Amino acid sequence: MALDLARFRTPSAFASAAEQCLKEVKAVPPIEGFDSVMIPGEPERQAMAERRREGIPLDGVLEAGLRYAAAPLGLDLDPLLGAKDT
């Protein structure tokens, strides 16, 4: 469904109300075990920033598969994946 928000209030009034709603949601104390209350999309943005900073974690099975596929091509994945533990 699509709504023309201008039929209900001005765009600036809508933006102001949305901002106030967001502030109220973020002001709710998080439950035990969590640092903050998050809105939709926020965990994904945090994960993206972490992966850009630290790389994408690979489990051992996936890493072994990548190395297996790269070996016949003579590709050295160490610079990308780090040295293989022996």
Protein backbone atom coordinates (compact mmCIF):
# COMPACT_ATOMS: atom_id res chain seq x y z
CA MET A 1 0.00 0.00 0.00
CA ALA A 2 1.23 3.48 -0.76
CA LEU A 3 -0.08 6.58 0.98
CA ASP A 4 0.26 10.23 0.07
CA LEU A 5 1.43 11.52 3.45
CA ALA A 6 0.86 15.10 2.35
CA ARG A 7 -2.89 14.40 2.58
CA PHE A 8 -2.51 13.85 6.32
CA ARG A 9 0.13 16.41 7.32
CA THR A 10 2.93 18.44 5.82
CA PRO A 11 6.19 16.64 5.03
CA SER A 12 8.01 18.64 7.70
CA ALA A 13 5.35 17.76 10.31
CA PHE A 14 5.61 14.09 9.34
CA ALA A 15 9.43 14.19 9.58
CA SER A 16 9.20 15.87 12.98
CA ALA A 17 6.72 13.27 14.27
CA ALA A 18 8.86 10.41 12.90
CA GLU A 19 11.96 11.87 14.57
CA GLN A 20 10.10 12.18 17.89
CA CYS A 21 8.87 8.58 17.60
CA LEU A 22 12.42 7.39 16.93
CA LYS A 23 13.71 9.30 19.98
CA GLU A 24 11.04 7.69 22.16
CA VAL A 25 11.86 4.19 20.91
CA LYS A 26 15.61 4.72 21.40
CA ALA A 27 14.98 6.08 24.94
CA VAL A 28 13.45 2.77 26.09
CA PRO A 29 15.89 0.98 28.41
CA PRO A 30 17.24 -2.18 26.78
CA ILE A 31 16.51 -5.54 28.35
CA GLU A 32 19.25 -7.38 30.18
CA GLY A 33 21.97 -8.62 27.86
CA PHE A 34 21.55 -5.86 25.29
CA ASP A 35 23.35 -2.53 24.99
CA SER A 36 20.60 -0.60 23.23
CA VAL A 37 17.20 -0.72 21.58
CA MET A 38 17.60 -0.97 17.81
CA ILE A 39 15.32 -0.04 14.98
CA PRO A 40 14.88 -2.12 11.80
CA GLY A 41 18.00 -2.00 9.65
CA GLU A 42 20.28 -0.89 12.49
CA PRO A 43 21.76 -4.36 13.22
CA GLU A 44 22.45 -4.80 9.51
CA ARG A 45 24.20 -1.42 9.27
CA GLN A 46 26.32 -2.29 12.31
CA ALA A 47 27.24 -5.69 10.83
CA MET A 48 28.15 -4.06 7.52
CA ALA A 49 30.42 -1.55 9.25
CA GLU A 50 32.07 -4.32 11.28
CA ARG A 51 32.67 -6.44 8.18
CA ARG A 52 34.17 -3.50 6.31
CA ARG A 53 36.49 -2.93 9.25
CA GLU A 54 37.36 -6.55 10.11
CA GLY A 55 36.42 -8.60 7.05
CA ILE A 56 33.80 -11.28 6.55
CA PRO A 57 34.16 -14.24 8.90
CA LEU A 58 34.43 -17.61 7.17
CA ASP A 59 33.94 -20.96 8.82
CA GLY A 60 36.57 -23.64 8.31
CA VAL A 61 34.51 -25.65 5.83
CA LEU A 62 33.96 -22.67 3.53
CA GLU A 63 37.60 -21.61 3.75
CA ALA A 64 38.75 -25.16 2.94
CA GLY A 65 36.40 -25.23 -0.05
CA LEU A 66 37.72 -21.92 -1.35
CA ARG A 67 41.31 -23.13 -0.99
CA TYR A 68 40.44 -26.43 -2.71
CA ALA A 69 38.85 -24.59 -5.66
CA ALA A 70 41.75 -22.12 -5.92
CA ALA A 71 44.58 -24.67 -5.80
CA PRO A 72 44.22 -26.05 -9.38
CA LEU A 73 44.18 -22.47 -10.64
CA GLY A 74 47.41 -21.64 -8.86
CA LEU A 75 45.72 -18.92 -6.81
CA ASP A 76 47.27 -17.94 -3.49
CA LEU A 77 44.44 -17.05 -1.11
CA ASP A 78 46.73 -16.32 1.85
CA PRO A 79 46.77 -12.57 1.18
CA LEU A 80 42.96 -12.57 1.24
CA LEU A 81 42.19 -15.21 3.85
CA GLY A 82 45.32 -15.14 5.96
CA ALA A 83 47.92 -17.86 6.27
CA LYS A 84 46.50 -21.36 6.61
CA ASP A 85 46.90 -22.84 10.09
CA THR A 86 48.83 -26.09 10.02
